[in-house]
Amino acid sequence: MTEKKYIAIDGYNRKKDDDEMISDAIGSCFATPIGQQVLTYLKSITINTVSGPDITDQKLRHLEGQRYIVGLIERRIVHNHGVKQNGRSDTNTGSKSGSKRGDPLFTSKT
């Protein structure tokens, strides 16, 4: 039987557990007061920025790429909260909602 493909939040094909580890790492980074300040700053220079009609195509594309990344961080944080609420098991320790960040996180697996 073939394994069902899992398309991660960022659009890459990787294992569901690996995707959850990435969300866990990002969620942990931005769960602190400092992390929240950093996210607020990133949103202020990207998502909350309004460009005028004189913006060039190149600058607009650059800004939209930045907005995508900040939006992806926010989606990962929400995903991490959902995973924790559902109480997934940590395969390394057997505990609920534990961190698996000792594994390679950011590799795309097909």
PDB file of N, CA and C in Angstrom:
ATOM      1  N   MET A   1       0.834  -1.178   0.000  1.00  0.00           N
ATOM      2  CA  MET A   1       0.000   0.000   0.000  1.00  0.00           C
ATOM      3  C   MET A   1       0.881   1.243   0.000  1.00  0.00           C
ATOM      4  N   THR A   2       0.565   2.214  -0.827  1.00  0.00           N
ATOM      5  CA  THR A   2       1.367   3.427  -0.896  1.00  0.00           C
ATOM      6  C   THR A   2       0.962   4.391   0.216  1.00  0.00           C
ATOM      7  N   GLU A   3       1.955   5.105   0.697  1.00  0.00           N
ATOM      8  CA  GLU A   3       1.728   6.068   1.763  1.00  0.00           C
ATOM      9  C   GLU A   3       1.100   7.333   1.176  1.00  0.00           C
ATOM     10  N   LYS A   4       0.069   7.827   1.850  1.00  0.00           N
ATOM     11  CA  LYS A   4      -0.607   9.043   1.397  1.00  0.00           C
ATOM     12  C   LYS A   4       0.340  10.222   1.543  1.00  0.00           C
ATOM     13  N   LYS A   5       0.442  11.029   0.485  1.00  0.00           N
ATOM     14  CA  LYS A   5       1.313  12.187   0.534  1.00  0.00           C
ATOM     15  C   LYS A   5       0.735  13.235   1.467  1.00  0.00           C
ATOM     16  N   TYR A   6       1.609  13.849   2.222  1.00  0.00           N
ATOM     17  CA  TYR A   6       1.227  14.927   3.129  1.00  0.00           C
ATOM     18  C   TYR A   6       1.891  16.199   2.622  1.00  0.00           C
ATOM     19  N   ILE A   7       1.086  17.156   2.252  1.00  0.00           N
ATOM     20  CA  ILE A   7       1.603  18.446   1.808  1.00  0.00           C
ATOM     21  C   ILE A   7       1.613  19.368   3.018  1.00  0.00           C
ATOM     22  N   ALA A   8       2.791  19.840   3.365  1.00  0.00           N
ATOM     23  CA  ALA A   8       2.969  20.665   4.556  1.00  0.00           C
ATOM     24  C   ALA A   8       2.377  22.061   4.363  1.00  0.00           C
ATOM     25  N   ILE A   9       2.310  22.791   5.448  1.00  0.00           N
ATOM     26  CA  ILE A   9       1.763  24.146   5.441  1.00  0.00           C
ATOM     27  C   ILE A   9       2.453  25.037   4.409  1.00  0.00           C
ATOM     28  N   ASP A  10       3.748  24.836   4.231  1.00  0.00           N
ATOM     29  CA  ASP A  10       4.513  25.659   3.296  1.00  0.00           C
ATOM     30  C   ASP A  10       4.470  25.142   1.856  1.00  0.00           C
ATOM     31  N   GLY A  11       3.686  24.091   1.627  1.00  0.00           N
ATOM     32  CA  GLY A  11       3.525  23.570   0.277  1.00  0.00           C
ATOM     33  C   GLY A  11       4.518  22.493  -0.113  1.00  0.00           C
ATOM     34  N   TYR A  12       5.430  22.154   0.778  1.00  0.00           N
ATOM     35  CA  TYR A  12       6.424  21.126   0.489  1.00  0.00           C
ATOM     36  C   TYR A  12       5.917  19.760   0.935  1.00  0.00           C
ATOM     37  N   ASN A  13       6.351  18.741   0.239  1.00  0.00           N
ATOM     38  CA  ASN A  13       5.998  17.370   0.573  1.00  0.00           C
ATOM     39  C   ASN A  13       6.993  16.865   1.612  1.00  0.00           C
ATOM     40  N   ARG A  14       6.499  16.626   2.832  1.00  0.00           N
ATOM     41  CA  ARG A  14       7.345  16.056   3.879  1.00  0.00           C
ATOM     42  C   ARG A  14       6.472  15.232   4.806  1.00  0.00           C
ATOM     43  N   LYS A  15       7.073  14.475   5.652  1.00  0.00           N
ATOM     44  CA  LYS A  15       6.321  13.663   6.603  1.00  0.00           C
ATOM     45  C   LYS A  15       5.569  14.563   7.575  1.00  0.00           C
ATOM     46  N   LYS A  16       4.380  14.108   7.986  1.00  0.00           N
ATOM     47  CA  LYS A  16       3.549  14.883   8.903  1.00  0.00           C
ATOM     48  C   LYS A  16       4.288  15.164  10.210  1.00  0.00           C
ATOM     49  N   ASP A  17       4.988  14.181  10.741  1.00  0.00           N
ATOM     50  CA  ASP A  17       5.737  14.377  11.983  1.00  0.00           C
ATOM     51  C   ASP A  17       6.811  15.454  11.822  1.00  0.00           C
ATOM     52  N   ASP A  18       7.485  15.458  10.683  1.00  0.00           N
ATOM     53  CA  ASP A  18       8.500  16.476  10.425  1.00  0.00           C
ATOM     54  C   ASP A  18       7.871  17.867  10.343  1.00  0.00           C
ATOM     55  N   ASP A  19       6.703  17.947   9.714  1.00  0.00           N
ATOM     56  CA  ASP A  19       5.997  19.224   9.613  1.00  0.00           C
ATOM     57  C   ASP A  19       5.592  19.721  10.999  1.00  0.00           C
ATOM     58  N   GLU A  20       5.134  18.808  11.842  1.00  0.00           N
ATOM     59  CA  GLU A  20       4.757  19.185  13.203  1.00  0.00           C
ATOM     60  C   GLU A  20       5.970  19.634  14.006  1.00  0.00           C
ATOM     61  N   MET A  21       7.132  19.025  13.779  1.00  0.00           N
ATOM     62  CA  MET A  21       8.353  19.445  14.461  1.00  0.00           C
ATOM     63  C   MET A  21       8.731  20.871  14.078  1.00  0.00           C
ATOM     64  N   ILE A  22       8.591  21.195  12.798  1.00  0.00           N
ATOM     65  CA  ILE A  22       8.895  22.556  12.345  1.00  0.00           C
ATOM     66  C   ILE A  22       7.960  23.549  13.022  1.00  0.00           C
ATOM     67  N   SER A  23       6.674  23.234  13.050  1.00  0.00           N
ATOM     68  CA  SER A  23       5.709  24.117  13.704  1.00  0.00           C
ATOM     69  C   SER A  23       6.000  24.233  15.197  1.00  0.00           C
ATOM     70  N   ASP A  24       6.433  23.146  15.814  1.00  0.00           N
ATOM     71  CA  ASP A  24       6.787  23.167  17.232  1.00  0.00           C
ATOM     72  C   ASP A  24       7.966  24.106  17.474  1.00  0.00           C
ATOM     73  N   ALA A  25       8.969  24.014  16.635  1.00  0.00           N
ATOM     74  CA  ALA A  25      10.153  24.869  16.792  1.00  0.00           C
ATOM     75  C   ALA A  25       9.787  26.338  16.613  1.00  0.00           C
ATOM     76  N   ILE A  26       9.014  26.638  15.586  1.00  0.00           N
ATOM     77  CA  ILE A  26       8.615  28.026  15.335  1.00  0.00           C
ATOM     78  C   ILE A  26       7.678  28.513  16.434  1.00  0.00           C
ATOM     79  N   GLY A  27       6.742  27.677  16.847  1.00  0.00           N
ATOM     80  CA  GLY A  27       5.842  28.050  17.933  1.00  0.00           C
ATOM     81  C   GLY A  27       6.595  28.353  19.217  1.00  0.00           C
ATOM     82  N   SER A  28       7.612  27.555  19.508  1.00  0.00           N
ATOM     83  CA  SER A  28       8.420  27.783  20.708  1.00  0.00           C
ATOM     84  C   SER A  28       9.200  29.091  20.619  1.00  0.00           C
ATOM     85  N   CYS A  29       9.742  29.378  19.453  1.00  0.00           N
ATOM     86  CA  CYS A  29      10.499  30.629  19.268  1.00  0.00           C
ATOM     87  C   CYS A  29       9.642  31.862  19.522  1.00  0.00           C
ATOM     88  N   PHE A  30       8.410  31.821  19.038  1.00  0.00           N
ATOM     89  CA  PHE A  30       7.562  33.005  19.106  1.00  0.00           C
ATOM     90  C   PHE A  30       6.590  32.987  20.294  1.00  0.00           C
ATOM     91  N   ALA A  31       6.732  32.015  21.199  1.00  0.00           N
ATOM     92  CA  ALA A  31       5.864  31.935  22.374  1.00  0.00           C
ATOM     93  C   ALA A  31       6.339  32.848  23.501  1.00  0.00           C
ATOM     94  N   THR A  32       7.577  33.258  23.445  1.00  0.00           N
ATOM     95  CA  THR A  32       8.136  34.103  24.494  1.00  0.00           C
ATOM     96  C   THR A  32       7.751  35.563  24.265  1.00  0.00           C
ATOM     97  N   PRO A  33       7.827  36.388  25.294  1.00  0.00           N
ATOM     98  CA  PRO A  33       7.557  37.821  25.097  1.00  0.00           C
ATOM     99  C   PRO A  33       8.475  38.448  24.045  1.00  0.00           C
ATOM    100  N   ILE A  34       9.741  38.070  24.039  1.00  0.00           N
ATOM    101  CA  ILE A  34      10.674  38.602  23.032  1.00  0.00           C
ATOM    102  C   ILE A  34      10.253  38.139  21.640  1.00  0.00           C
ATOM    103  N   GLY A  35       9.890  36.871  21.510  1.00  0.00           N
ATOM    104  CA  GLY A  35       9.431  36.345  20.229  1.00  0.00           C
ATOM    105  C   GLY A  35       8.193  37.069  19.737  1.00  0.00           C
ATOM    106  N   GLN A  36       7.285  37.385  20.637  1.00  0.00           N
ATOM    107  CA  GLN A  36       6.081  38.125  20.266  1.00  0.00           C
ATOM    108  C   GLN A  36       6.432  39.539  19.809  1.00  0.00           C
ATOM    109  N   GLN A  37       7.429  40.160  20.466  1.00  0.00           N
ATOM    110  CA  GLN A  37       7.882  41.486  20.036  1.00  0.00           C
ATOM    111  C   GLN A  37       8.491  41.424  18.635  1.00  0.00           C
ATOM    112  N   VAL A  38       9.270  40.386  18.389  1.00  0.00           N
ATOM    113  CA  VAL A  38       9.881  40.221  17.062  1.00  0.00           C
ATOM    114  C   VAL A  38       8.792  40.038  16.009  1.00  0.00           C
ATOM    115  N   LEU A  39       7.792  39.215  16.291  1.00  0.00           N
ATOM    116  CA  LEU A  39       6.706  38.999  15.337  1.00  0.00           C
ATOM    117  C   LEU A  39       5.924  40.294  15.094  1.00  0.00           C
ATOM    118  N   THR A  40       5.683  41.053  16.141  1.00  0.00           N
ATOM    119  CA  THR A  40       5.004  42.346  15.987  1.00  0.00           C
ATOM    120  C   THR A  40       5.817  43.268  15.087  1.00  0.00           C
ATOM    121  N   TYR A  41       7.125  43.288  15.290  1.00  0.00           N
ATOM    122  CA  TYR A  41       8.009  44.102  14.438  1.00  0.00           C
ATOM    123  C   TYR A  41       7.945  43.639  12.982  1.00  0.00           C
ATOM    124  N   LEU A  42       8.068  42.325  12.772  1.00  0.00           N
ATOM    125  CA  LEU A  42       8.044  41.803  11.399  1.00  0.00           C
ATOM    126  C   LEU A  42       6.724  42.141  10.705  1.00  0.00           C
ATOM    127  N   LYS A  43       5.617  42.036  11.434  1.00  0.00           N
ATOM    128  CA  LYS A  43       4.312  42.393  10.856  1.00  0.00           C
ATOM    129  C   LYS A  43       4.249  43.883  10.530  1.00  0.00           C
ATOM    130  N   SER A  44       4.860  44.712  11.382  1.00  0.00           N
ATOM    131  CA  SER A  44       4.805  46.158  11.167  1.00  0.00           C
ATOM    132  C   SER A  44       5.538  46.585   9.897  1.00  0.00           C
ATOM    133  N   ILE A  45       6.571  45.836   9.511  1.00  0.00           N
ATOM    134  CA  ILE A  45       7.332  46.217   8.309  1.00  0.00           C
ATOM    135  C   ILE A  45       6.909  45.440   7.066  1.00  0.00           C
ATOM    136  N   THR A  46       5.936  44.536   7.231  1.00  0.00           N
ATOM    137  CA  THR A  46       5.503  43.734   6.087  1.00  0.00           C
ATOM    138  C   THR A  46       3.992  43.788   5.903  1.00  0.00           C
ATOM    139  N   ILE A  47       3.281  43.014   6.688  1.00  0.00           N
ATOM    140  CA  ILE A  47       1.839  42.859   6.533  1.00  0.00           C
ATOM    141  C   ILE A  47       1.101  44.169   6.756  1.00  0.00           C
ATOM    142  N   ASN A  48       1.543  44.961   7.728  1.00  0.00           N
ATOM    143  CA  ASN A  48       0.848  46.207   8.057  1.00  0.00           C
ATOM    144  C   ASN A  48       1.350  47.415   7.270  1.00  0.00           C
ATOM    145  N   THR A  49       2.193  47.181   6.283  1.00  0.00           N
ATOM    146  CA  THR A  49       2.724  48.254   5.452  1.00  0.00           C
ATOM    147  C   THR A  49       1.841  48.458   4.230  1.00  0.00           C
ATOM    148  N   VAL A  50       1.537  49.714   3.965  1.00  0.00           N
ATOM    149  CA  VAL A  50       0.749  50.055   2.775  1.00  0.00           C
ATOM    150  C   VAL A  50       1.677  50.754   1.786  1.00  0.00           C
ATOM    151  N   SER A  51       1.720  50.252   0.572  1.00  0.00           N
ATOM    152  CA  SER A  51       2.556  50.848  -0.466  1.00  0.00           C
ATOM    153  C   SER A  51       1.705  51.744  -1.342  1.00  0.00           C
ATOM    154  N   GLY A  52       2.305  52.820  -1.785  1.00  0.00           N
ATOM    155  CA  GLY A  52       1.602  53.748  -2.663  1.00  0.00           C
ATOM    156  C   GLY A  52       1.620  53.284  -4.106  1.00  0.00           C
ATOM    157  N   PRO A  53       0.992  54.050  -4.974  1.00  0.00           N
ATOM    158  CA  PRO A  53       0.908  53.676  -6.384  1.00  0.00           C
ATOM    159  C   PRO A  53       2.235  53.776  -7.130  1.00  0.00           C
ATOM    160  N   ASP A  54       3.225  54.405  -6.515  1.00  0.00           N
ATOM    161  CA  ASP A  54       4.510  54.571  -7.191  1.00  0.00           C
ATOM    162  C   ASP A  54       5.497  53.440  -6.911  1.00  0.00           C
ATOM    163  N   ILE A  55       5.067  52.381  -6.223  1.00  0.00           N
ATOM    164  CA  ILE A  55       5.962  51.263  -5.935  1.00  0.00           C
ATOM    165  C   ILE A  55       6.303  50.526  -7.228  1.00  0.00           C
ATOM    166  N   THR A  56       7.557  50.142  -7.354  1.00  0.00           N
ATOM    167  CA  THR A  56       7.977  49.416  -8.553  1.00  0.00           C
ATOM    168  C   THR A  56       7.560  47.959  -8.450  1.00  0.00           C
ATOM    169  N   ASP A  57       7.534  47.306  -9.580  1.00  0.00           N
ATOM    170  CA  ASP A  57       7.186  45.880  -9.627  1.00  0.00           C
ATOM    171  C   ASP A  57       8.156  45.063  -8.773  1.00  0.00           C
ATOM    172  N   GLN A  58       9.444  45.394  -8.876  1.00  0.00           N
ATOM    173  CA  GLN A  58      10.446  44.646  -8.114  1.00  0.00           C
ATOM    174  C   GLN A  58      10.265  44.839  -6.612  1.00  0.00           C
ATOM    175  N   LYS A  59      10.024  46.069  -6.172  1.00  0.00           N
ATOM    176  CA  LYS A  59       9.826  46.328  -4.742  1.00  0.00           C
ATOM    177  C   LYS A  59       8.554  45.655  -4.230  1.00  0.00           C
ATOM    178  N   LEU A  60       7.506  45.659  -5.049  1.00  0.00           N
ATOM    179  CA  LEU A  60       6.260  45.010  -4.650  1.00  0.00           C
ATOM    180  C   LEU A  60       6.442  43.499  -4.517  1.00  0.00           C
ATOM    181  N   ARG A  61       7.149  42.897  -5.451  1.00  0.00           N
ATOM    182  CA  ARG A  61       7.411  41.459  -5.371  1.00  0.00           C
ATOM    183  C   ARG A  61       8.233  41.124  -4.129  1.00  0.00           C
ATOM    184  N   HIS A  62       9.208  41.966  -3.835  1.00  0.00           N
ATOM    185  CA  HIS A  62      10.031  41.763  -2.652  1.00  0.00           C
ATOM    186  C   HIS A  62       9.177  41.862  -1.380  1.00  0.00           C
ATOM    187  N   LEU A  63       8.342  42.867  -1.293  1.00  0.00           N
ATOM    188  CA  LEU A  63       7.466  43.050  -0.141  1.00  0.00           C
ATOM    189  C   LEU A  63       6.489  41.886   0.005  1.00  0.00           C
ATOM    190  N   GLU A  64       5.938  41.421  -1.102  1.00  0.00           N
ATOM    191  CA  GLU A  64       5.000  40.294  -1.039  1.00  0.00           C
ATOM    192  C   GLU A  64       5.690  39.015  -0.572  1.00  0.00           C
ATOM    193  N   GLY A  65       6.945  38.828  -0.954  1.00  0.00           N
ATOM    194  CA  GLY A  65       7.703  37.679  -0.458  1.00  0.00           C
ATOM    195  C   GLY A  65       7.915  37.760   1.046  1.00  0.00           C
ATOM    196  N   GLN A  66       8.224  38.959   1.531  1.00  0.00           N
ATOM    197  CA  GLN A  66       8.390  39.155   2.966  1.00  0.00           C
ATOM    198  C   GLN A  66       7.063  38.890   3.691  1.00  0.00           C
ATOM    199  N   ARG A  67       5.978  39.378   3.127  1.00  0.00           N
ATOM    200  CA  ARG A  67       4.660  39.165   3.729  1.00  0.00           C
ATOM    201  C   ARG A  67       4.323  37.672   3.780  1.00  0.00           C
ATOM    202  N   TYR A  68       4.678  36.953   2.727  1.00  0.00           N
ATOM    203  CA  TYR A  68       4.428  35.512   2.691  1.00  0.00           C
ATOM    204  C   TYR A  68       5.141  34.810   3.842  1.00  0.00           C
ATOM    205  N   ILE A  69       6.404  35.160   4.060  1.00  0.00           N
ATOM    206  CA  ILE A  69       7.187  34.521   5.119  1.00  0.00           C
ATOM    207  C   ILE A  69       6.583  34.812   6.495  1.00  0.00           C
ATOM    208  N   VAL A  70       6.207  36.059   6.748  1.00  0.00           N
ATOM    209  CA  VAL A  70       5.605  36.407   8.039  1.00  0.00           C
ATOM    210  C   VAL A  70       4.268  35.688   8.205  1.00  0.00           C
ATOM    211  N   GLY A  71       3.484  35.631   7.136  1.00  0.00           N
ATOM    212  CA  GLY A  71       2.221  34.894   7.186  1.00  0.00           C
ATOM    213  C   GLY A  71       2.443  33.416   7.453  1.00  0.00           C
ATOM    214  N   LEU A  72       3.493  32.860   6.873  1.00  0.00           N
ATOM    215  CA  LEU A  72       3.825  31.452   7.093  1.00  0.00           C
ATOM    216  C   LEU A  72       4.218  31.214   8.555  1.00  0.00           C
ATOM    217  N   ILE A  73       4.969  32.133   9.124  1.00  0.00           N
ATOM    218  CA  ILE A  73       5.323  32.023  10.547  1.00  0.00           C
ATOM    219  C   ILE A  73       4.052  32.011  11.385  1.00  0.00           C
ATOM    220  N   GLU A  74       3.112  32.913  11.083  1.00  0.00           N
ATOM    221  CA  GLU A  74       1.858  32.958  11.842  1.00  0.00           C
ATOM    222  C   GLU A  74       1.052  31.670  11.681  1.00  0.00           C
ATOM    223  N   ARG A  75       1.025  31.121  10.472  1.00  0.00           N
ATOM    224  CA  ARG A  75       0.314  29.860  10.248  1.00  0.00           C
ATOM    225  C   ARG A  75       0.973  28.715  10.996  1.00  0.00           C
ATOM    226  N   ARG A  76       2.286  28.706  11.057  1.00  0.00           N
ATOM    227  CA  ARG A  76       3.010  27.675  11.805  1.00  0.00           C
ATOM    228  C   ARG A  76       2.685  27.762  13.300  1.00  0.00           C
ATOM    229  N   ILE A  77       2.587  28.978  13.825  1.00  0.00           N
ATOM    230  CA  ILE A  77       2.248  29.164  15.242  1.00  0.00           C
ATOM    231  C   ILE A  77       0.860  28.607  15.518  1.00  0.00           C
ATOM    232  N   VAL A  78      -0.103  28.922  14.666  1.00  0.00           N
ATOM    233  CA  VAL A  78      -1.467  28.410  14.819  1.00  0.00           C
ATOM    234  C   VAL A  78      -1.474  26.889  14.700  1.00  0.00           C
ATOM    235  N   HIS A  79      -0.722  26.350  13.748  1.00  0.00           N
ATOM    236  CA  HIS A  79      -0.618  24.909  13.567  1.00  0.00           C
ATOM    237  C   HIS A  79      -0.055  24.258  14.828  1.00  0.00           C
ATOM    238  N   ASN A  80       0.963  24.864  15.410  1.00  0.00           N
ATOM    239  CA  ASN A  80       1.564  24.330  16.629  1.00  0.00           C
ATOM    240  C   ASN A  80       0.551  24.296  17.771  1.00  0.00           C
ATOM    241  N   HIS A  81      -0.256  25.339  17.911  1.00  0.00           N
ATOM    242  CA  HIS A  81      -1.282  25.349  18.954  1.00  0.00           C
ATOM    243  C   HIS A  81      -2.282  24.217  18.725  1.00  0.00           C
ATOM    244  N   GLY A  82      -2.661  23.987  17.477  1.00  0.00           N
ATOM    245  CA  GLY A  82      -3.591  22.902  17.154  1.00  0.00           C
ATOM    246  C   GLY A  82      -3.014  21.539  17.464  1.00  0.00           C
ATOM    247  N   VAL A  83      -1.742  21.356  17.148  1.00  0.00           N
ATOM    248  CA  VAL A  83      -1.083  20.076  17.418  1.00  0.00           C
ATOM    249  C   VAL A  83      -1.022  19.838  18.918  1.00  0.00           C
ATOM    250  N   LYS A  84      -0.696  20.866  19.684  1.00  0.00           N
ATOM    251  CA  LYS A  84      -0.614  20.717  21.146  1.00  0.00           C
ATOM    252  C   LYS A  84      -1.984  20.428  21.737  1.00  0.00           C
ATOM    253  N   GLN A  85      -3.027  21.061  21.210  1.00  0.00           N
ATOM    254  CA  GLN A  85      -4.378  20.828  21.721  1.00  0.00           C
ATOM    255  C   GLN A  85      -4.843  19.410  21.420  1.00  0.00           C
ATOM    256  N   ASN A  86      -4.422  18.863  20.285  1.00  0.00           N
ATOM    257  CA  ASN A  86      -4.799  17.504  19.923  1.00  0.00           C
ATOM    258  C   ASN A  86      -3.943  16.470  20.641  1.00  0.00           C
ATOM    259  N   GLY A  87      -2.859  16.913  21.307  1.00  0.00           N
ATOM    260  CA  GLY A  87      -2.036  16.032  22.129  1.00  0.00           C
ATOM    261  C   GLY A  87      -1.328  14.938  21.380  1.00  0.00           C
ATOM    262  N   ARG A  88      -0.611  15.281  20.321  1.00  0.00           N
ATOM    263  CA  ARG A  88       0.123  14.257  19.581  1.00  0.00           C
ATOM    264  C   ARG A  88       1.187  13.651  20.475  1.00  0.00           C
ATOM    265  N   SER A  89       1.536  12.429  20.204  1.00  0.00           N
ATOM    266  CA  SER A  89       2.575  11.752  20.969  1.00  0.00           C
ATOM    267  C   SER A  89       3.928  12.089  20.397  1.00  0.00           C
ATOM    268  N   ASP A  90       4.884  12.243  21.260  1.00  0.00           N
ATOM    269  CA  ASP A  90       6.266  12.457  20.863  1.00  0.00           C
ATOM    270  C   ASP A  90       6.902  11.083  20.704  1.00  0.00           C
ATOM    271  N   THR A  91       7.293  10.747  19.491  1.00  0.00           N
ATOM    272  CA  THR A  91       7.825   9.406  19.236  1.00  0.00           C
ATOM    273  C   THR A  91       9.192   9.199  19.856  1.00  0.00           C
ATOM    274  N   ASN A  92       9.909  10.286  20.179  1.00  0.00           N
ATOM    275  CA  ASN A  92      11.220  10.122  20.803  1.00  0.00           C
ATOM    276  C   ASN A  92      11.118   9.804  22.281  1.00  0.00           C
ATOM    277  N   THR A  93      10.142  10.387  22.991  1.00  0.00           N
ATOM    278  CA  THR A  93      10.082  10.227  24.431  1.00  0.00           C
ATOM    279  C   THR A  93       8.838   9.497  24.893  1.00  0.00           C
ATOM    280  N   GLY A  94       7.833   9.374  24.030  1.00  0.00           N
ATOM    281  CA  GLY A  94       6.584   8.764  24.412  1.00  0.00           C
ATOM    282  C   GLY A  94       5.662   9.705  25.156  1.00  0.00           C
ATOM    283  N   SER A  95       6.107  10.941  25.395  1.00  0.00           N
ATOM    284  CA  SER A  95       5.278  11.900  26.119  1.00  0.00           C
ATOM    285  C   SER A  95       4.357  12.642  25.162  1.00  0.00           C
ATOM    286  N   LYS A  96       3.330  13.239  25.724  1.00  0.00           N
ATOM    287  CA  LYS A  96       2.397  14.015  24.916  1.00  0.00           C
ATOM    288  C   LYS A  96       2.954  15.410  24.692  1.00  0.00           C
ATOM    289  N   SER A  97       2.814  15.901  23.460  1.00  0.00           N
ATOM    290  CA  SER A  97       3.168  17.267  23.087  1.00  0.00           C
ATOM    291  C   SER A  97       4.603  17.634  23.414  1.00  0.00           C
ATOM    292  N   GLY A  98       5.485  16.679  23.453  1.00  0.00           N
ATOM    293  CA  GLY A  98       6.881  16.988  23.725  1.00  0.00           C
ATOM    294  C   GLY A  98       7.569  17.516  22.481  1.00  0.00           C
ATOM    295  N   SER A  99       8.741  18.044  22.661  1.00  0.00           N
ATOM    296  CA  SER A  99       9.499  18.578  21.545  1.00  0.00           C
ATOM    297  C   SER A  99      10.321  17.467  20.905  1.00  0.00           C
ATOM    298  N   LYS A 100      10.362  17.470  19.576  1.00  0.00           N
ATOM    299  CA  LYS A 100      11.189  16.519  18.836  1.00  0.00           C
ATOM    300  C   LYS A 100      12.277  17.271  18.086  1.00  0.00           C
ATOM    301  N   ARG A 101      12.677  18.422  18.603  1.00  0.00           N
ATOM    302  CA  ARG A 101      13.574  19.283  17.864  1.00  0.00           C
ATOM    303  C   ARG A 101      14.996  18.755  17.753  1.00  0.00           C
ATOM    304  N   GLY A 102      15.301  17.605  18.304  1.00  0.00           N
ATOM    305  CA  GLY A 102      16.617  17.033  18.118  1.00  0.00           C
ATOM    306  C   GLY A 102      16.777  16.443  16.721  1.00  0.00           C
ATOM    307  N   ASP A 103      15.672  16.208  16.028  1.00  0.00           N
ATOM    308  CA  ASP A 103      15.712  15.645  14.685  1.00  0.00           C
ATOM    309  C   ASP A 103      15.964  16.740  13.663  1.00  0.00           C
ATOM    310  N   PRO A 104      16.437  16.358  12.459  1.00  0.00           N
ATOM    311  CA  PRO A 104      16.613  17.369  11.416  1.00  0.00           C
ATOM    312  C   PRO A 104      15.250  17.932  11.016  1.00  0.00           C
ATOM    313  N   LEU A 105      15.076  19.241  11.156  1.00  0.00           N
ATOM    314  CA  LEU A 105      13.772  19.854  10.986  1.00  0.00           C
ATOM    315  C   LEU A 105      13.466  20.312   9.577  1.00  0.00           C
ATOM    316  N   PHE A 106      14.359  20.999   9.013  1.00  0.00           N
ATOM    317  CA  PHE A 106      14.005  21.781   7.849  1.00  0.00           C
ATOM    318  C   PHE A 106      14.432  21.136   6.538  1.00  0.00           C
ATOM    319  N   THR A 107      14.357  19.843   6.475  1.00  0.00           N
ATOM    320  CA  THR A 107      14.678  19.146   5.236  1.00  0.00           C
ATOM    321  C   THR A 107      13.390  18.713   4.566  1.00  0.00           C
ATOM    322  N   SER A 108      13.340  18.873   3.287  1.00  0.00           N
ATOM    323  CA  SER A 108      12.162  18.463   2.524  1.00  0.00           C
ATOM    324  C   SER A 108      12.337  16.999   2.149  1.00  0.00           C
ATOM    325  N   LYS A 109      11.354  16.190   2.516  1.00  0.00           N
ATOM    326  CA  LYS A 109      11.420  14.760   2.215  1.00  0.00           C
ATOM    327  C   LYS A 109      10.318  14.413   1.233  1.00  0.00           C
ATOM    328  N   THR A 110      10.693  13.707   0.206  1.00  0.00           N
ATOM    329  CA  THR A 110       9.700  13.286  -0.790  1.00  0.00           C
ATOM    330  C   THR A 110       9.429  11.829  -0.686  1.00  0.00           C
TER     331      THR A 110
END
